[in-house]
Amino acid sequence: MKPEGWLSPEMTKNKVIYTTFLKGRILWVLFIIHFFSACSAPFFSRKQLAPTRPDVLVKSIEDHAAKLRTFQGWSTMMIESTEGGFRGSMRLSVKMPDSLWIKMEGPLGMDVIEGRFGGENALFVIPAEKRAYRGSIRNMQERGILPIDLASPEMLQGILGLPVPYPAVYDSLPSLTIDSRKYILDMGYGERIWIEPKGPVVTRWEKRDANGEMLWLWEGREFRKLKGIRLPQVIRMTDYQYRQRVTLVYETARPNRPMKNGWFEVRIPEGVETIEL
């Protein structure tokens, strides 16, 4: 019986070759690590963001968002709340600043809502209720039928991924800091906005109460440049007060393409009651 650790001459030779090879690989890896550590400045360092004024930065964000004139897209949509979850899809056609056609479908292609919202008026159909609502957006909001103004430029910018801070609605200009390669605007009243210089675009917008507790949060992720416009593929909107979250993942996004005739039409099916407001 051969003692433990015993190797034949051939095996010993192979082991020496393998050990030499392994040492060579380790030395090469160590050399690479040392090289990039010693030369990290030219290879990995990034220039600091250039100082700028808050009003100049906001104007740049607004100018970038203004490049978007039309939008057509399809996204998966996930809604999470204390009452349960929902997963479906959403198709959008938008003509800025205030015209929106939208269709939402649930699992297995079930129609949830189809509508058009433009200016002060709206028409939308809810097949499950066999009802259609047509009339003033303000009247719909007052009656609780439509909780938000989907045709407002601010709402459209939010669901398309190009929200714009408007300092005019605040008492004073925001303060500006730089952190982790992003600008941060402190708008006051618990609102802070993170801005990526490419674009520039908003990547995070949060609102906190006087105690520092989060009220709501908007996030844009995985930005892509399409037709000269940087748009996020993923948008997440969280309402911490009502414990609700909506996530949009755009599978298709077509900015600034010609709109087909009839893009704004909504057909009311037979047997659906139309309520005028």
C-alpha atoms as a PDB file:
ATOM      1  CA  MET A   1       0.000   0.000   0.000  1.00  0.00           C
ATOM      2  CA  LYS A   2       1.429   3.316  -1.098  1.00  0.00           C
ATOM      3  CA  PRO A   3       1.822   5.963   1.576  1.00  0.00           C
ATOM      4  CA  GLU A   4      -0.564   8.931   1.588  1.00  0.00           C
ATOM      5  CA  GLY A   5       0.663  11.736  -0.607  1.00  0.00           C
ATOM      6  CA  TRP A   6       2.803   9.416  -2.708  1.00  0.00           C
ATOM      7  CA  LEU A   7       3.001  10.348  -6.413  1.00  0.00           C
ATOM      8  CA  SER A   8       4.530   8.470  -9.303  1.00  0.00           C
ATOM      9  CA  PRO A   9       7.319  10.226 -11.241  1.00  0.00           C
ATOM     10  CA  GLU A  10       4.849  10.968 -14.062  1.00  0.00           C
ATOM     11  CA  MET A  11       2.271  12.367 -11.648  1.00  0.00           C
ATOM     12  CA  THR A  12       4.949  14.420  -9.911  1.00  0.00           C
ATOM     13  CA  LYS A  13       5.966  15.911 -13.251  1.00  0.00           C
ATOM     14  CA  ASN A  14       2.365  16.792 -14.087  1.00  0.00           C
ATOM     15  CA  LYS A  15       1.873  18.344 -10.672  1.00  0.00           C
ATOM     16  CA  VAL A  16       4.963  20.527 -11.130  1.00  0.00           C
ATOM     17  CA  ILE A  17       3.718  21.664 -14.542  1.00  0.00           C
ATOM     18  CA  TYR A  18       0.240  22.416 -13.153  1.00  0.00           C
ATOM     19  CA  THR A  19       1.679  24.249 -10.123  1.00  0.00           C
ATOM     20  CA  THR A  20       3.940  26.328 -12.346  1.00  0.00           C
ATOM     21  CA  PHE A  21       0.964  27.140 -14.598  1.00  0.00           C
ATOM     22  CA  LEU A  22      -1.208  28.069 -11.608  1.00  0.00           C
ATOM     23  CA  LYS A  23       1.500  30.301 -10.135  1.00  0.00           C
ATOM     24  CA  GLY A  24       1.865  31.981 -13.499  1.00  0.00           C
ATOM     25  CA  ARG A  25      -1.869  32.692 -13.642  1.00  0.00           C
ATOM     26  CA  ILE A  26      -1.879  34.028 -10.092  1.00  0.00           C
ATOM     27  CA  LEU A  27       1.103  36.257 -10.811  1.00  0.00           C
ATOM     28  CA  TRP A  28      -0.616  37.535 -13.940  1.00  0.00           C
ATOM     29  CA  VAL A  29      -3.811  38.345 -11.995  1.00  0.00           C
ATOM     30  CA  LEU A  30      -1.763  40.080  -9.283  1.00  0.00           C
ATOM     31  CA  PHE A  31       0.062  42.041 -11.971  1.00  0.00           C
ATOM     32  CA  ILE A  32      -3.242  43.177 -13.501  1.00  0.00           C
ATOM     33  CA  ILE A  33      -4.595  44.206 -10.095  1.00  0.00           C
ATOM     34  CA  HIS A  34      -1.413  46.105  -9.294  1.00  0.00           C
ATOM     35  CA  PHE A  35      -1.360  47.751 -12.711  1.00  0.00           C
ATOM     36  CA  PHE A  36      -4.918  49.056 -12.472  1.00  0.00           C
ATOM     37  CA  SER A  37      -4.456  50.054  -8.833  1.00  0.00           C
ATOM     38  CA  ALA A  38      -1.376  52.077  -9.736  1.00  0.00           C
ATOM     39  CA  CYS A  39      -3.025  53.515 -12.836  1.00  0.00           C
ATOM     40  CA  SER A  40      -6.537  53.913 -11.479  1.00  0.00           C
ATOM     41  CA  ALA A  41      -6.559  57.668 -11.950  1.00  0.00           C
ATOM     42  CA  PRO A  42      -6.417  57.713 -15.765  1.00  0.00           C
ATOM     43  CA  PHE A  43      -8.496  54.565 -16.221  1.00  0.00           C
ATOM     44  CA  PHE A  44     -11.304  54.839 -13.643  1.00  0.00           C
ATOM     45  CA  SER A  45     -11.479  58.343 -12.280  1.00  0.00           C
ATOM     46  CA  ARG A  46     -14.332  60.569 -13.367  1.00  0.00           C
ATOM     47  CA  LYS A  47     -14.418  64.288 -13.473  1.00  0.00           C
ATOM     48  CA  GLN A  48     -16.474  65.967 -10.822  1.00  0.00           C
ATOM     49  CA  LEU A  49     -19.781  67.379 -11.965  1.00  0.00           C
ATOM     50  CA  ALA A  50     -19.478  70.979 -12.995  1.00  0.00           C
ATOM     51  CA  PRO A  51     -21.035  73.442 -10.542  1.00  0.00           C
ATOM     52  CA  THR A  52     -24.222  75.046 -11.800  1.00  0.00           C
ATOM     53  CA  ARG A  53     -27.106  77.153 -10.541  1.00  0.00           C
ATOM     54  CA  PRO A  54     -30.426  75.522  -9.595  1.00  0.00           C
ATOM     55  CA  ASP A  55     -32.401  77.638 -12.076  1.00  0.00           C
ATOM     56  CA  VAL A  56     -30.001  76.745 -14.905  1.00  0.00           C
ATOM     57  CA  LEU A  57     -30.264  73.031 -14.081  1.00  0.00           C
ATOM     58  CA  VAL A  58     -34.064  73.130 -13.931  1.00  0.00           C
ATOM     59  CA  LYS A  59     -34.187  74.939 -17.276  1.00  0.00           C
ATOM     60  CA  SER A  60     -31.973  72.228 -18.796  1.00  0.00           C
ATOM     61  CA  ILE A  61     -34.328  69.516 -17.471  1.00  0.00           C
ATOM     62  CA  GLU A  62     -37.297  71.377 -18.912  1.00  0.00           C
ATOM     63  CA  ASP A  63     -35.594  71.833 -22.290  1.00  0.00           C
ATOM     64  CA  HIS A  64     -34.762  68.134 -22.462  1.00  0.00           C
ATOM     65  CA  ALA A  65     -38.338  67.121 -21.586  1.00  0.00           C
ATOM     66  CA  ALA A  66     -39.682  69.566 -24.190  1.00  0.00           C
ATOM     67  CA  LYS A  67     -38.019  67.495 -26.924  1.00  0.00           C
ATOM     68  CA  LEU A  68     -40.764  64.904 -26.447  1.00  0.00           C
ATOM     69  CA  ARG A  69     -43.690  65.864 -28.682  1.00  0.00           C
ATOM     70  CA  THR A  70     -45.410  62.508 -29.209  1.00  0.00           C
ATOM     71  CA  PHE A  71     -45.093  59.090 -27.593  1.00  0.00           C
ATOM     72  CA  GLN A  72     -46.430  55.619 -28.298  1.00  0.00           C
ATOM     73  CA  GLY A  73     -45.628  52.760 -25.978  1.00  0.00           C
ATOM     74  CA  TRP A  74     -46.605  49.511 -24.339  1.00  0.00           C
ATOM     75  CA  SER A  75     -45.710  48.553 -20.791  1.00  0.00           C
ATOM     76  CA  THR A  76     -46.342  45.861 -18.268  1.00  0.00           C
ATOM     77  CA  MET A  77     -47.980  47.296 -15.184  1.00  0.00           C
ATOM     78  CA  MET A  78     -47.875  46.047 -11.602  1.00  0.00           C
ATOM     79  CA  ILE A  79     -49.982  47.472  -8.792  1.00  0.00           C
ATOM     80  CA  GLU A  80     -49.271  46.527  -5.187  1.00  0.00           C
ATOM     81  CA  SER A  81     -51.393  47.552  -2.208  1.00  0.00           C
ATOM     82  CA  THR A  82     -52.615  46.295   1.135  1.00  0.00           C
ATOM     83  CA  GLU A  83     -55.738  45.048  -0.638  1.00  0.00           C
ATOM     84  CA  GLY A  84     -53.800  42.843  -3.036  1.00  0.00           C
ATOM     85  CA  GLY A  85     -51.903  42.965  -6.292  1.00  0.00           C
ATOM     86  CA  PHE A  86     -52.632  43.393  -9.983  1.00  0.00           C
ATOM     87  CA  ARG A  87     -50.549  42.653 -13.049  1.00  0.00           C
ATOM     88  CA  GLY A  88     -51.531  43.706 -16.510  1.00  0.00           C
ATOM     89  CA  SER A  89     -50.478  45.833 -19.437  1.00  0.00           C
ATOM     90  CA  MET A  90     -50.945  49.404 -20.567  1.00  0.00           C
ATOM     91  CA  ARG A  91     -50.815  50.962 -24.018  1.00  0.00           C
ATOM     92  CA  LEU A  92     -50.308  54.687 -24.427  1.00  0.00           C
ATOM     93  CA  SER A  93     -50.448  57.231 -27.203  1.00  0.00           C
ATOM     94  CA  VAL A  94     -49.579  60.772 -26.181  1.00  0.00           C
ATOM     95  CA  LYS A  95     -49.487  64.113 -27.912  1.00  0.00           C
ATOM     96  CA  MET A  96     -47.917  66.710 -25.698  1.00  0.00           C
ATOM     97  CA  PRO A  97     -48.835  68.756 -23.811  1.00  0.00           C
ATOM     98  CA  ASP A  98     -52.245  67.348 -22.841  1.00  0.00           C
ATOM     99  CA  SER A  99     -53.660  64.610 -25.087  1.00  0.00           C
ATOM    100  CA  LEU A 100     -53.622  60.977 -23.985  1.00  0.00           C
ATOM    101  CA  TRP A 101     -55.151  57.761 -25.286  1.00  0.00           C
ATOM    102  CA  ILE A 102     -54.808  54.841 -22.901  1.00  0.00           C
ATOM    103  CA  LYS A 103     -55.880  51.207 -22.758  1.00  0.00           C
ATOM    104  CA  MET A 104     -55.317  48.937 -19.786  1.00  0.00           C
ATOM    105  CA  GLU A 105     -55.713  45.174 -19.834  1.00  0.00           C
ATOM    106  CA  GLY A 106     -55.629  42.646 -17.041  1.00  0.00           C
ATOM    107  CA  PRO A 107     -54.617  38.985 -17.036  1.00  0.00           C
ATOM    108  CA  LEU A 108     -55.531  36.991 -20.150  1.00  0.00           C
ATOM    109  CA  GLY A 109     -56.156  40.197 -22.095  1.00  0.00           C
ATOM    110  CA  MET A 110     -59.216  41.226 -20.077  1.00  0.00           C
ATOM    111  CA  ASP A 111     -60.183  44.839 -20.896  1.00  0.00           C
ATOM    112  CA  VAL A 112     -60.008  47.061 -17.812  1.00  0.00           C
ATOM    113  CA  ILE A 113     -60.331  50.567 -19.223  1.00  0.00           C
ATOM    114  CA  GLU A 114     -59.987  52.429 -22.495  1.00  0.00           C
ATOM    115  CA  GLY A 115     -60.104  56.183 -22.642  1.00  0.00           C
ATOM    116  CA  ARG A 116     -58.997  59.460 -24.101  1.00  0.00           C
ATOM    117  CA  PHE A 117     -58.126  62.522 -22.098  1.00  0.00           C
ATOM    118  CA  GLY A 118     -57.512  65.861 -23.717  1.00  0.00           C
ATOM    119  CA  GLY A 119     -57.569  69.372 -22.343  1.00  0.00           C
ATOM    120  CA  GLU A 120     -60.553  69.664 -20.008  1.00  0.00           C
ATOM    121  CA  ASN A 121     -62.569  66.718 -21.348  1.00  0.00           C
ATOM    122  CA  ALA A 122     -62.422  62.956 -21.191  1.00  0.00           C
ATOM    123  CA  LEU A 123     -64.166  59.854 -22.457  1.00  0.00           C
ATOM    124  CA  PHE A 124     -63.434  56.456 -21.022  1.00  0.00           C
ATOM    125  CA  VAL A 125     -65.085  53.057 -20.986  1.00  0.00           C
ATOM    126  CA  ILE A 126     -65.070  50.483 -18.179  1.00  0.00           C
ATOM    127  CA  PRO A 127     -66.261  47.227 -19.802  1.00  0.00           C
ATOM    128  CA  ALA A 128     -66.694  45.342 -16.519  1.00  0.00           C
ATOM    129  CA  GLU A 129     -69.182  47.977 -15.324  1.00  0.00           C
ATOM    130  CA  LYS A 130     -70.771  48.351 -18.787  1.00  0.00           C
ATOM    131  CA  ARG A 131     -70.413  52.084 -18.350  1.00  0.00           C
ATOM    132  CA  ALA A 132     -68.779  54.940 -20.209  1.00  0.00           C
ATOM    133  CA  TYR A 133     -68.093  58.369 -18.765  1.00  0.00           C
ATOM    134  CA  ARG A 134     -67.915  61.454 -20.953  1.00  0.00           C
ATOM    135  CA  GLY A 135     -67.513  65.099 -20.068  1.00  0.00           C
ATOM    136  CA  SER A 136     -65.497  67.443 -17.905  1.00  0.00           C
ATOM    137  CA  ILE A 137     -62.427  66.072 -16.152  1.00  0.00           C
ATOM    138  CA  ARG A 138     -63.098  68.490 -13.279  1.00  0.00           C
ATOM    139  CA  ASN A 139     -66.621  67.123 -12.789  1.00  0.00           C
ATOM    140  CA  MET A 140     -65.267  63.569 -12.807  1.00  0.00           C
ATOM    141  CA  GLN A 141     -62.703  64.484 -10.165  1.00  0.00           C
ATOM    142  CA  GLU A 142     -65.296  66.194  -7.961  1.00  0.00           C
ATOM    143  CA  ARG A 143     -67.478  63.071  -8.057  1.00  0.00           C
ATOM    144  CA  GLY A 144     -64.547  60.769  -7.328  1.00  0.00           C
ATOM    145  CA  ILE A 145     -64.851  58.957 -10.664  1.00  0.00           C
ATOM    146  CA  LEU A 146     -61.432  60.122 -11.816  1.00  0.00           C
ATOM    147  CA  PRO A 147     -58.997  60.627  -8.919  1.00  0.00           C
ATOM    148  CA  ILE A 148     -56.317  62.398 -10.990  1.00  0.00           C
ATOM    149  CA  ASP A 149     -56.092  64.612 -14.043  1.00  0.00           C
ATOM    150  CA  LEU A 150     -54.493  62.247 -16.528  1.00  0.00           C
ATOM    151  CA  ALA A 151     -54.279  64.979 -19.158  1.00  0.00           C
ATOM    152  CA  SER A 152     -52.176  67.371 -17.097  1.00  0.00           C
ATOM    153  CA  PRO A 153     -48.622  67.923 -18.408  1.00  0.00           C
ATOM    154  CA  GLU A 154     -47.200  67.038 -14.983  1.00  0.00           C
ATOM    155  CA  MET A 155     -49.005  63.676 -14.897  1.00  0.00           C
ATOM    156  CA  LEU A 156     -48.007  62.853 -18.477  1.00  0.00           C
ATOM    157  CA  GLN A 157     -44.388  63.730 -17.761  1.00  0.00           C
ATOM    158  CA  GLY A 158     -44.487  61.468 -14.710  1.00  0.00           C
ATOM    159  CA  ILE A 159     -45.831  58.357 -16.452  1.00  0.00           C
ATOM    160  CA  LEU A 160     -43.508  58.882 -19.430  1.00  0.00           C
ATOM    161  CA  GLY A 161     -40.447  59.359 -17.230  1.00  0.00           C
ATOM    162  CA  LEU A 162     -39.671  63.042 -17.749  1.00  0.00           C
ATOM    163  CA  PRO A 163     -40.899  64.899 -14.643  1.00  0.00           C
ATOM    164  CA  VAL A 164     -39.847  68.537 -14.418  1.00  0.00           C
ATOM    165  CA  PRO A 165     -39.416  70.512 -11.173  1.00  0.00           C
ATOM    166  CA  TYR A 166     -40.946  73.968 -11.403  1.00  0.00           C
ATOM    167  CA  PRO A 167     -39.392  76.254  -8.744  1.00  0.00           C
ATOM    168  CA  ALA A 168     -42.064  78.887  -9.417  1.00  0.00           C
ATOM    169  CA  VAL A 169     -44.518  76.910  -7.294  1.00  0.00           C
ATOM    170  CA  TYR A 170     -42.209  77.173  -4.281  1.00  0.00           C
ATOM    171  CA  ASP A 171     -41.438  80.172  -2.083  1.00  0.00           C
ATOM    172  CA  SER A 172     -37.770  80.267  -3.084  1.00  0.00           C
ATOM    173  CA  LEU A 173     -35.255  78.685  -5.424  1.00  0.00           C
ATOM    174  CA  PRO A 174     -34.087  75.210  -4.409  1.00  0.00           C
ATOM    175  CA  SER A 175     -30.636  74.561  -2.999  1.00  0.00           C
ATOM    176  CA  LEU A 176     -28.243  72.369  -4.963  1.00  0.00           C
ATOM    177  CA  THR A 177     -25.685  69.772  -3.848  1.00  0.00           C
ATOM    178  CA  ILE A 178     -23.650  67.109  -5.663  1.00  0.00           C
ATOM    179  CA  ASP A 179     -23.485  63.502  -4.485  1.00  0.00           C
ATOM    180  CA  SER A 180     -22.513  60.214  -6.187  1.00  0.00           C
ATOM    181  CA  ARG A 181     -22.294  61.744  -9.633  1.00  0.00           C
ATOM    182  CA  LYS A 182     -25.770  63.260  -9.376  1.00  0.00           C
ATOM    183  CA  TYR A 183     -27.206  66.654  -8.614  1.00  0.00           C
ATOM    184  CA  ILE A 184     -29.630  66.901  -5.714  1.00  0.00           C
ATOM    185  CA  LEU A 185     -32.197  69.686  -5.576  1.00  0.00           C
ATOM    186  CA  ASP A 186     -33.673  70.437  -2.172  1.00  0.00           C
ATOM    187  CA  MET A 187     -36.990  72.063  -3.019  1.00  0.00           C
ATOM    188  CA  GLY A 188     -37.978  72.659   0.595  1.00  0.00           C
ATOM    189  CA  TYR A 189     -41.091  71.353   2.362  1.00  0.00           C
ATOM    190  CA  GLY A 190     -39.609  67.846   2.413  1.00  0.00           C
ATOM    191  CA  GLU A 191     -39.102  67.503  -1.347  1.00  0.00           C
ATOM    192  CA  ARG A 192     -35.780  66.382  -2.803  1.00  0.00           C
ATOM    193  CA  ILE A 193     -34.955  65.562  -6.417  1.00  0.00           C
ATOM    194  CA  TRP A 194     -32.012  63.512  -7.743  1.00  0.00           C
ATOM    195  CA  ILE A 195     -30.853  64.440 -11.247  1.00  0.00           C
ATOM    196  CA  GLU A 196     -28.517  62.597 -13.596  1.00  0.00           C
ATOM    197  CA  PRO A 197     -26.418  64.980 -15.734  1.00  0.00           C
ATOM    198  CA  LYS A 198     -27.012  63.072 -18.974  1.00  0.00           C
ATOM    199  CA  GLY A 199     -30.078  64.675 -20.399  1.00  0.00           C
ATOM    200  CA  PRO A 200     -30.347  65.923 -17.705  1.00  0.00           C
ATOM    201  CA  VAL A 201     -33.118  63.723 -16.282  1.00  0.00           C
ATOM    202  CA  VAL A 202     -34.759  63.205 -12.908  1.00  0.00           C
ATOM    203  CA  THR A 203     -34.071  59.740 -11.473  1.00  0.00           C
ATOM    204  CA  ARG A 204     -35.671  60.130  -8.043  1.00  0.00           C
ATOM    205  CA  TRP A 205     -38.219  62.520  -6.532  1.00  0.00           C
ATOM    206  CA  GLU A 206     -39.300  62.120  -2.955  1.00  0.00           C
ATOM    207  CA  LYS A 207     -41.597  63.902  -0.539  1.00  0.00           C
ATOM    208  CA  ARG A 208     -41.335  63.617   3.259  1.00  0.00           C
ATOM    209  CA  ASP A 209     -43.447  65.048   6.060  1.00  0.00           C
ATOM    210  CA  ALA A 210     -42.246  67.336   8.845  1.00  0.00           C
ATOM    211  CA  ASN A 211     -41.051  64.292  10.838  1.00  0.00           C
ATOM    212  CA  GLY A 212     -38.988  62.950   7.954  1.00  0.00           C
ATOM    213  CA  GLU A 213     -41.398  60.122   7.139  1.00  0.00           C
ATOM    214  CA  MET A 214     -41.748  59.306   3.459  1.00  0.00           C
ATOM    215  CA  LEU A 215     -45.045  60.348   1.857  1.00  0.00           C
ATOM    216  CA  TRP A 216     -44.452  59.460  -1.781  1.00  0.00           C
ATOM    217  CA  LEU A 217     -41.626  58.531  -4.124  1.00  0.00           C
ATOM    218  CA  TRP A 218     -41.139  58.621  -7.904  1.00  0.00           C
ATOM    219  CA  GLU A 219     -38.250  56.658  -9.448  1.00  0.00           C
ATOM    220  CA  GLY A 220     -36.943  56.259 -12.995  1.00  0.00           C
ATOM    221  CA  ARG A 221     -34.451  53.515 -13.867  1.00  0.00           C
ATOM    222  CA  GLU A 222     -32.635  51.939 -16.813  1.00  0.00           C
ATOM    223  CA  PHE A 223     -32.580  55.001 -19.027  1.00  0.00           C
ATOM    224  CA  ARG A 224     -32.283  54.636 -22.791  1.00  0.00           C
ATOM    225  CA  LYS A 225     -31.628  57.274 -25.417  1.00  0.00           C
ATOM    226  CA  LEU A 226     -34.321  57.226 -28.081  1.00  0.00           C
ATOM    227  CA  LYS A 227     -34.581  59.875 -30.788  1.00  0.00           C
ATOM    228  CA  GLY A 228     -32.229  62.085 -28.778  1.00  0.00           C
ATOM    229  CA  ILE A 229     -34.343  61.771 -25.611  1.00  0.00           C
ATOM    230  CA  ARG A 230     -33.341  59.836 -22.493  1.00  0.00           C
ATOM    231  CA  LEU A 231     -36.318  57.843 -21.201  1.00  0.00           C
ATOM    232  CA  PRO A 232     -36.474  55.311 -18.364  1.00  0.00           C
ATOM    233  CA  GLN A 233     -37.573  51.794 -19.128  1.00  0.00           C
ATOM    234  CA  VAL A 234     -38.763  51.322 -15.529  1.00  0.00           C
ATOM    235  CA  ILE A 235     -40.916  53.812 -13.619  1.00  0.00           C
ATOM    236  CA  ARG A 236     -42.010  53.243 -10.046  1.00  0.00           C
ATOM    237  CA  MET A 237     -44.456  55.423  -8.107  1.00  0.00           C
ATOM    238  CA  THR A 238     -45.013  54.700  -4.422  1.00  0.00           C
ATOM    239  CA  ASP A 239     -47.629  56.267  -2.151  1.00  0.00           C
ATOM    240  CA  TYR A 240     -46.569  55.495   1.418  1.00  0.00           C
ATOM    241  CA  GLN A 241     -49.666  57.037   2.997  1.00  0.00           C
ATOM    242  CA  TYR A 242     -52.037  54.650   1.244  1.00  0.00           C
ATOM    243  CA  ARG A 243     -49.430  51.883   0.901  1.00  0.00           C
ATOM    244  CA  GLN A 244     -49.727  51.603  -2.840  1.00  0.00           C
ATOM    245  CA  ARG A 245     -47.103  51.144  -5.528  1.00  0.00           C
ATOM    246  CA  VAL A 246     -47.382  51.238  -9.310  1.00  0.00           C
ATOM    247  CA  THR A 247     -44.548  49.943 -11.478  1.00  0.00           C
ATOM    248  CA  LEU A 248     -44.390  50.427 -15.241  1.00  0.00           C
ATOM    249  CA  VAL A 249     -41.889  48.525 -17.363  1.00  0.00           C
ATOM    250  CA  TYR A 250     -41.894  49.820 -20.919  1.00  0.00           C
ATOM    251  CA  GLU A 251     -41.341  47.001 -23.373  1.00  0.00           C
ATOM    252  CA  THR A 252     -41.954  49.329 -26.319  1.00  0.00           C
ATOM    253  CA  ALA A 253     -41.283  53.067 -26.474  1.00  0.00           C
ATOM    254  CA  ARG A 254     -41.548  55.150 -29.644  1.00  0.00           C
ATOM    255  CA  PRO A 255     -41.011  58.874 -29.103  1.00  0.00           C
ATOM    256  CA  ASN A 256     -41.622  61.553 -31.738  1.00  0.00           C
ATOM    257  CA  ARG A 257     -43.155  59.362 -34.406  1.00  0.00           C
ATOM    258  CA  PRO A 258     -46.074  60.478 -36.597  1.00  0.00           C
ATOM    259  CA  MET A 259     -49.465  59.640 -35.098  1.00  0.00           C
ATOM    260  CA  LYS A 260     -51.838  57.595 -37.230  1.00  0.00           C
ATOM    261  CA  ASN A 261     -55.285  58.918 -38.115  1.00  0.00           C
ATOM    262  CA  GLY A 262     -57.794  57.898 -35.472  1.00  0.00           C
ATOM    263  CA  TRP A 263     -55.206  57.436 -32.722  1.00  0.00           C
ATOM    264  CA  PHE A 264     -57.422  59.416 -30.318  1.00  0.00           C
ATOM    265  CA  GLU A 265     -60.664  57.500 -30.949  1.00  0.00           C
ATOM    266  CA  VAL A 266     -62.489  55.448 -28.320  1.00  0.00           C
ATOM    267  CA  ARG A 267     -65.349  53.219 -29.390  1.00  0.00           C
ATOM    268  CA  ILE A 268     -68.274  52.710 -27.021  1.00  0.00           C
ATOM    269  CA  PRO A 269     -69.512  49.099 -27.336  1.00  0.00           C
ATOM    270  CA  GLU A 270     -73.171  48.238 -27.646  1.00  0.00           C
ATOM    271  CA  GLY A 271     -74.983  47.712 -24.372  1.00  0.00           C
ATOM    272  CA  VAL A 272     -72.748  50.169 -22.493  1.00  0.00           C
ATOM    273  CA  GLU A 273     -74.440  53.002 -20.626  1.00  0.00           C
ATOM    274  CA  THR A 274     -72.950  56.444 -21.300  1.00  0.00           C
ATOM    275  CA  ILE A 275     -72.986  58.868 -18.394  1.00  0.00           C
ATOM    276  CA  GLU A 276     -72.574  62.546 -19.286  1.00  0.00           C
ATOM    277  CA  LEU A 277     -70.762  64.717 -16.733  1.00  0.00           C
END
